[in-house]
Every structure is written in structure tokens, then in C-alpha cells.
């Protein structure tokens, strides 16, 4: 698939799939043999159907009675890996840079492609450095707890901030970031 063409079905980049898989390994997350089978052919340079990602999310959800803390840790670990072993250090120098990277859905567009009405958006809607406050609007199909973890991990990865929290009570598509 060329970089410019938009696939008719949504696809997820292999680097995101591999990050999810490695985060599961690093955190000792057990999702059973089905997860191993789904992750066996991950090539970081290829694109995979979004349905494959959704099946991984579903398997993790089915494996734990209290899955929300697991999902949050998965998102954090994925972004830690992205920053330290992927392109993160070249793109992000401070925690606030990660938030700005979300402007115009730049961050999400690097890992998911497809019709906009299916893949949604992940945009920086508000940013106030003095207050340590930002708002991300997300209409992606990804689990919002994982997205909260992605934001925490991405903002914390450069190591210049001491505190990051992300909430999305009320409006699940509104992720509120506090950072100091």
C-alpha cells in the first residue's frame, strides 16, 4: 500500500501491534494461546486489519476480571517502548511535545489508516502550559483506558515532568490531561 492511499478497510501499523504484544510480555499479561496465534506473524513494517487489534483488546478484556488497570498499564508501556525503542526520541523532546504531536491527529495517523468515519480522530483541543492542562478529543475505535495510558506514557517518556494524570469521566471522547 502506498503512503498516500487510504485503505477501504481500517488498518493498524505493525509497530503498534508489536508494541501491544511487547507490552503484554513486559507486563506479564496473560491472554492465552489465542493471543500468541494472533501475534505470531507481526511484522513491524506491515499494516494489519483493525479487526486484529480489536480481537487483541477483546482477549485481554476477557482474561481479567478487573481489566481497567491492565489496559492503562498497556497504554503506558506501549508509549514507553515507542519512545525508547521506536521513533519517539526523534519526534518528542519534552512531555508537552507529545501532546502537540496529537494536533491534527498526527500521532494517530502514524499508526491507523482508513475511512475517517471508522478510524476517527485524536486531536489536541486545548493546551495551557502554565496550568499544566490539556484536552484531547478522541473519536477513535480504541479502548479509552488504553488511550489514557498512551497519553500518560507518551507525556512521561521524555522524563521532564514529575506528574501526569489523564481522566475521561462524563464525556468518554474527552481526555483531560494534567501535567507538572
C-alpha atoms as a PDB file:
ATOM      1  CA  UNK A   1       0.000   0.000   0.000  1.00  0.00           C
ATOM      2  CA  UNK A   2       1.429   3.418  -0.875  1.00  0.00           C
ATOM      3  CA  UNK A   3       1.807   6.045   1.847  1.00  0.00           C
ATOM      4  CA  UNK A   4      -0.812   8.300   0.197  1.00  0.00           C
ATOM      5  CA  UNK A   5      -3.577   5.818  -0.486  1.00  0.00           C
ATOM      6  CA  UNK A   6      -6.313   5.380   2.065  1.00  0.00           C
ATOM      7  CA  UNK A   7      -7.364   1.770   2.535  1.00  0.00           C
ATOM      8  CA  UNK A   8     -11.066   0.999   2.222  1.00  0.00           C
ATOM      9  CA  UNK A   9     -10.906  -1.056   5.431  1.00  0.00           C
ATOM     10  CA  UNK A  10      -9.175   0.340   8.536  1.00  0.00           C
ATOM     11  CA  UNK A  11      -5.650  -0.911   9.195  1.00  0.00           C
ATOM     12  CA  UNK A  12      -3.241  -0.633  12.118  1.00  0.00           C
ATOM     13  CA  UNK A  13       0.529  -0.338  11.724  1.00  0.00           C
ATOM     14  CA  UNK A  14       2.596  -3.363  12.727  1.00  0.00           C
ATOM     15  CA  UNK A  15       4.661  -1.201  15.090  1.00  0.00           C
ATOM     16  CA  UNK A  16       1.535  -0.556  17.173  1.00  0.00           C
ATOM     17  CA  UNK A  17       0.655  -4.259  17.144  1.00  0.00           C
ATOM     18  CA  UNK A  18       4.225  -5.178  18.126  1.00  0.00           C
ATOM     19  CA  UNK A  19       4.171  -2.541  20.870  1.00  0.00           C
ATOM     20  CA  UNK A  20       0.958  -4.030  22.233  1.00  0.00           C
ATOM     21  CA  UNK A  21       2.473  -7.514  22.108  1.00  0.00           C
ATOM     22  CA  UNK A  22       5.732  -6.443  23.780  1.00  0.00           C
ATOM     23  CA  UNK A  23       3.818  -4.509  26.440  1.00  0.00           C
ATOM     24  CA  UNK A  24       1.866  -7.700  27.189  1.00  0.00           C
ATOM     25  CA  UNK A  25       5.138  -9.615  27.523  1.00  0.00           C
ATOM     26  CA  UNK A  26       6.828  -6.925  29.654  1.00  0.00           C
ATOM     27  CA  UNK A  27       3.841  -6.684  31.985  1.00  0.00           C
ATOM     28  CA  UNK A  28       3.339 -10.469  32.142  1.00  0.00           C
ATOM     29  CA  UNK A  29      -0.179 -10.115  30.782  1.00  0.00           C
ATOM     30  CA  UNK A  30      -1.711 -13.463  30.044  1.00  0.00           C
ATOM     31  CA  UNK A  31      -4.251 -13.605  27.256  1.00  0.00           C
ATOM     32  CA  UNK A  32      -3.823 -17.249  26.356  1.00  0.00           C
ATOM     33  CA  UNK A  33      -2.850 -19.174  23.254  1.00  0.00           C
ATOM     34  CA  UNK A  34      -5.218 -17.165  21.033  1.00  0.00           C
ATOM     35  CA  UNK A  35      -3.105 -14.042  21.660  1.00  0.00           C
ATOM     36  CA  UNK A  36       0.089 -15.904  20.746  1.00  0.00           C
ATOM     37  CA  UNK A  37      -1.517 -17.057  17.491  1.00  0.00           C
ATOM     38  CA  UNK A  38      -2.699 -13.536  16.638  1.00  0.00           C
ATOM     39  CA  UNK A  39       0.714 -12.034  17.364  1.00  0.00           C
ATOM     40  CA  UNK A  40       2.841 -14.732  15.716  1.00  0.00           C
ATOM     41  CA  UNK A  41       3.101 -13.035  12.302  1.00  0.00           C
ATOM     42  CA  UNK A  42       3.559  -9.406  13.410  1.00  0.00           C
ATOM     43  CA  UNK A  43       5.906  -7.555  11.084  1.00  0.00           C
ATOM     44  CA  UNK A  44       6.650  -4.013  12.261  1.00  0.00           C
ATOM     45  CA  UNK A  45       6.764  -2.739   8.688  1.00  0.00           C
ATOM     46  CA  UNK A  46       3.333  -4.031   7.624  1.00  0.00           C
ATOM     47  CA  UNK A  47      -0.236  -2.908   8.157  1.00  0.00           C
ATOM     48  CA  UNK A  48      -2.824  -5.213   9.731  1.00  0.00           C
ATOM     49  CA  UNK A  49      -6.621  -5.152   9.774  1.00  0.00           C
ATOM     50  CA  UNK A  50      -8.067  -3.128  12.643  1.00  0.00           C
ATOM     51  CA  UNK A  51     -10.168  -6.202  13.442  1.00  0.00           C
ATOM     52  CA  UNK A  52      -6.967  -7.988  14.512  1.00  0.00           C
ATOM     53  CA  UNK A  53      -6.246  -5.193  17.043  1.00  0.00           C
ATOM     54  CA  UNK A  54      -9.820  -5.314  18.315  1.00  0.00           C
ATOM     55  CA  UNK A  55      -9.508  -9.073  18.837  1.00  0.00           C
ATOM     56  CA  UNK A  56      -6.371  -8.480  20.959  1.00  0.00           C
ATOM     57  CA  UNK A  57      -8.171  -5.854  23.048  1.00  0.00           C
ATOM     58  CA  UNK A  58     -11.112  -8.232  23.472  1.00  0.00           C
ATOM     59  CA  UNK A  59      -8.836 -11.118  24.545  1.00  0.00           C
ATOM     60  CA  UNK A  60      -7.159  -9.006  27.218  1.00  0.00           C
ATOM     61  CA  UNK A  61     -10.583  -7.889  28.428  1.00  0.00           C
ATOM     62  CA  UNK A  62     -11.776 -11.482  28.677  1.00  0.00           C
ATOM     63  CA  UNK A  63      -8.657 -12.560  30.579  1.00  0.00           C
ATOM     64  CA  UNK A  64      -9.084 -10.325  33.628  1.00  0.00           C
ATOM     65  CA  UNK A  65     -11.986  -9.630  35.983  1.00  0.00           C
ATOM     66  CA  UNK A  66     -10.648  -6.101  36.669  1.00  0.00           C
ATOM     67  CA  UNK A  67      -9.149  -5.178  33.297  1.00  0.00           C
ATOM     68  CA  UNK A  68      -9.048  -1.349  33.507  1.00  0.00           C
ATOM     69  CA  UNK A  69      -5.704  -1.130  35.401  1.00  0.00           C
ATOM     70  CA  UNK A  70      -4.250  -3.635  32.909  1.00  0.00           C
ATOM     71  CA  UNK A  71      -5.420  -1.549  29.941  1.00  0.00           C
ATOM     72  CA  UNK A  72      -3.971   1.621  31.489  1.00  0.00           C
ATOM     73  CA  UNK A  73      -0.598  -0.076  32.033  1.00  0.00           C
ATOM     74  CA  UNK A  74      -0.654  -1.445  28.471  1.00  0.00           C
ATOM     75  CA  UNK A  75      -1.032   2.063  27.049  1.00  0.00           C
ATOM     76  CA  UNK A  76       1.759   3.431  29.260  1.00  0.00           C
ATOM     77  CA  UNK A  77       4.126   0.589  28.372  1.00  0.00           C
ATOM     78  CA  UNK A  78       3.357   0.858  24.648  1.00  0.00           C
ATOM     79  CA  UNK A  79       4.384   4.532  24.626  1.00  0.00           C
ATOM     80  CA  UNK A  80       7.446   3.890  26.783  1.00  0.00           C
ATOM     81  CA  UNK A  81       8.559   1.330  24.193  1.00  0.00           C
ATOM     82  CA  UNK A  82       7.663   3.710  21.332  1.00  0.00           C
ATOM     83  CA  UNK A  83       9.750   6.469  22.894  1.00  0.00           C
ATOM     84  CA  UNK A  84      12.808   4.434  23.919  1.00  0.00           C
ATOM     85  CA  UNK A  85      12.908   1.830  21.121  1.00  0.00           C
ATOM     86  CA  UNK A  86      10.993   3.467  18.289  1.00  0.00           C
ATOM     87  CA  UNK A  87      10.908   6.921  16.696  1.00  0.00           C
ATOM     88  CA  UNK A  88       9.797   8.701  19.887  1.00  0.00           C
ATOM     89  CA  UNK A  89      13.123  10.321  20.822  1.00  0.00           C
ATOM     90  CA  UNK A  90      13.422  11.803  17.329  1.00  0.00           C
ATOM     91  CA  UNK A  91       9.917  13.302  17.485  1.00  0.00           C
ATOM     92  CA  UNK A  92       9.403  14.158  21.147  1.00  0.00           C
ATOM     93  CA  UNK A  93      11.894  16.039  23.331  1.00  0.00           C
ATOM     94  CA  UNK A  94       9.604  17.142  26.180  1.00  0.00           C
ATOM     95  CA  UNK A  95       6.373  15.776  27.577  1.00  0.00           C
ATOM     96  CA  UNK A  96       4.395  18.686  26.167  1.00  0.00           C
ATOM     97  CA  UNK A  97       5.751  17.823  22.714  1.00  0.00           C
ATOM     98  CA  UNK A  98       3.806  14.565  22.836  1.00  0.00           C
ATOM     99  CA  UNK A  99       0.583  16.495  23.394  1.00  0.00           C
ATOM    100  CA  UNK A 100       1.367  18.819  20.477  1.00  0.00           C
ATOM    101  CA  UNK A 101       2.147  15.755  18.343  1.00  0.00           C
ATOM    102  CA  UNK A 102      -1.577  14.948  18.610  1.00  0.00           C
ATOM    103  CA  UNK A 103      -2.539  18.193  16.808  1.00  0.00           C
ATOM    104  CA  UNK A 104      -4.457  17.392  13.646  1.00  0.00           C
ATOM    105  CA  UNK A 105      -4.404  13.685  14.573  1.00  0.00           C
ATOM    106  CA  UNK A 106      -0.717  13.455  13.571  1.00  0.00           C
ATOM    107  CA  UNK A 107       0.017  10.828  16.215  1.00  0.00           C
ATOM    108  CA  UNK A 108      -2.901   8.567  15.450  1.00  0.00           C
ATOM    109  CA  UNK A 109      -2.440   8.920  11.669  1.00  0.00           C
ATOM    110  CA  UNK A 110       1.002   7.355  12.023  1.00  0.00           C
ATOM    111  CA  UNK A 111      -0.497   4.085  13.315  1.00  0.00           C
ATOM    112  CA  UNK A 112      -4.020   3.758  11.901  1.00  0.00           C
ATOM    113  CA  UNK A 113      -5.411   4.391   8.434  1.00  0.00           C
ATOM    114  CA  UNK A 114      -8.790   4.051   6.849  1.00  0.00           C
ATOM    115  CA  UNK A 115     -12.041   5.878   6.319  1.00  0.00           C
ATOM    116  CA  UNK A 116     -12.250   8.840   8.732  1.00  0.00           C
ATOM    117  CA  UNK A 117     -15.733   7.829   9.890  1.00  0.00           C
ATOM    118  CA  UNK A 118     -14.270   4.499  11.078  1.00  0.00           C
ATOM    119  CA  UNK A 119     -10.776   5.423  12.343  1.00  0.00           C
ATOM    120  CA  UNK A 120     -11.907   8.680  13.945  1.00  0.00           C
ATOM    121  CA  UNK A 121      -9.540  11.342  15.195  1.00  0.00           C
ATOM    122  CA  UNK A 122      -7.281  12.046  18.169  1.00  0.00           C
ATOM    123  CA  UNK A 123      -6.750  15.810  18.426  1.00  0.00           C
ATOM    124  CA  UNK A 124      -5.246  18.285  20.859  1.00  0.00           C
ATOM    125  CA  UNK A 125      -8.240  20.544  21.591  1.00  0.00           C
ATOM    126  CA  UNK A 126      -6.855  22.635  24.473  1.00  0.00           C
ATOM    127  CA  UNK A 127      -3.364  23.281  25.829  1.00  0.00           C
ATOM    128  CA  UNK A 128      -2.349  25.507  28.756  1.00  0.00           C
ATOM    129  CA  UNK A 129       1.287  25.031  29.793  1.00  0.00           C
ATOM    130  CA  UNK A 130       1.023  27.369  32.798  1.00  0.00           C
ATOM    131  CA  UNK A 131      -1.855  25.415  34.337  1.00  0.00           C
ATOM    132  CA  UNK A 132      -0.476  22.067  33.190  1.00  0.00           C
ATOM    133  CA  UNK A 133      -3.758  21.291  31.468  1.00  0.00           C
ATOM    134  CA  UNK A 134      -4.629  19.848  28.070  1.00  0.00           C
ATOM    135  CA  UNK A 135      -7.659  18.249  26.454  1.00  0.00           C
ATOM    136  CA  UNK A 136      -7.550  15.612  23.737  1.00  0.00           C
ATOM    137  CA  UNK A 137     -10.698  14.850  21.731  1.00  0.00           C
ATOM    138  CA  UNK A 138     -10.792  11.218  20.654  1.00  0.00           C
ATOM    139  CA  UNK A 139     -13.272   9.512  18.382  1.00  0.00           C
ATOM    140  CA  UNK A 140     -11.052   6.516  17.605  1.00  0.00           C
ATOM    141  CA  UNK A 141     -12.276   2.927  17.962  1.00  0.00           C
ATOM    142  CA  UNK A 142      -9.545   2.188  20.530  1.00  0.00           C
ATOM    143  CA  UNK A 143     -10.314   1.488  24.172  1.00  0.00           C
ATOM    144  CA  UNK A 144     -10.310   4.825  26.038  1.00  0.00           C
ATOM    145  CA  UNK A 145      -8.482   3.420  29.072  1.00  0.00           C
ATOM    146  CA  UNK A 146      -5.652   2.308  26.780  1.00  0.00           C
ATOM    147  CA  UNK A 147      -5.703   5.805  25.245  1.00  0.00           C
ATOM    148  CA  UNK A 148      -5.394   7.337  28.736  1.00  0.00           C
ATOM    149  CA  UNK A 149      -2.343   5.123  29.261  1.00  0.00           C
ATOM    150  CA  UNK A 150      -0.947   6.131  25.871  1.00  0.00           C
ATOM    151  CA  UNK A 151      -1.170   9.783  26.887  1.00  0.00           C
ATOM    152  CA  UNK A 152       0.398   9.183  30.307  1.00  0.00           C
ATOM    153  CA  UNK A 153       3.212   7.099  28.816  1.00  0.00           C
ATOM    154  CA  UNK A 154       3.874   9.483  25.938  1.00  0.00           C
ATOM    155  CA  UNK A 155       3.949  12.587  28.137  1.00  0.00           C
ATOM    156  CA  UNK A 156       6.104  10.933  30.839  1.00  0.00           C
ATOM    157  CA  UNK A 157       8.576   9.221  28.480  1.00  0.00           C
ATOM    158  CA  UNK A 158      10.985  12.165  27.961  1.00  0.00           C
ATOM    159  CA  UNK A 159      11.409  12.411  31.746  1.00  0.00           C
ATOM    160  CA  UNK A 160      10.972  16.181  32.126  1.00  0.00           C
ATOM    161  CA  UNK A 161       7.674  16.029  34.029  1.00  0.00           C
ATOM    162  CA  UNK A 162       7.024  14.693  37.522  1.00  0.00           C
ATOM    163  CA  UNK A 163       3.278  14.145  37.325  1.00  0.00           C
ATOM    164  CA  UNK A 164       0.796  13.222  34.601  1.00  0.00           C
ATOM    165  CA  UNK A 165      -2.802  12.131  35.001  1.00  0.00           C
ATOM    166  CA  UNK A 166      -5.489  11.573  32.386  1.00  0.00           C
ATOM    167  CA  UNK A 167      -9.205  11.320  33.062  1.00  0.00           C
ATOM    168  CA  UNK A 168     -12.230  10.961  30.833  1.00  0.00           C
ATOM    169  CA  UNK A 169     -15.246  10.946  33.128  1.00  0.00           C
ATOM    170  CA  UNK A 170     -18.518  12.142  31.686  1.00  0.00           C
ATOM    171  CA  UNK A 171     -17.648  12.538  28.009  1.00  0.00           C
ATOM    172  CA  UNK A 172     -15.611   9.435  27.113  1.00  0.00           C
ATOM    173  CA  UNK A 173     -14.268  11.155  23.987  1.00  0.00           C
ATOM    174  CA  UNK A 174     -12.773  13.986  26.065  1.00  0.00           C
ATOM    175  CA  UNK A 175      -9.442  13.038  27.638  1.00  0.00           C
ATOM    176  CA  UNK A 176      -8.310  15.618  30.207  1.00  0.00           C
ATOM    177  CA  UNK A 177      -4.558  15.707  30.835  1.00  0.00           C
ATOM    178  CA  UNK A 178      -2.981  17.261  33.926  1.00  0.00           C
ATOM    179  CA  UNK A 179       0.811  17.564  33.879  1.00  0.00           C
ATOM    180  CA  UNK A 180       3.511  19.164  36.053  1.00  0.00           C
END
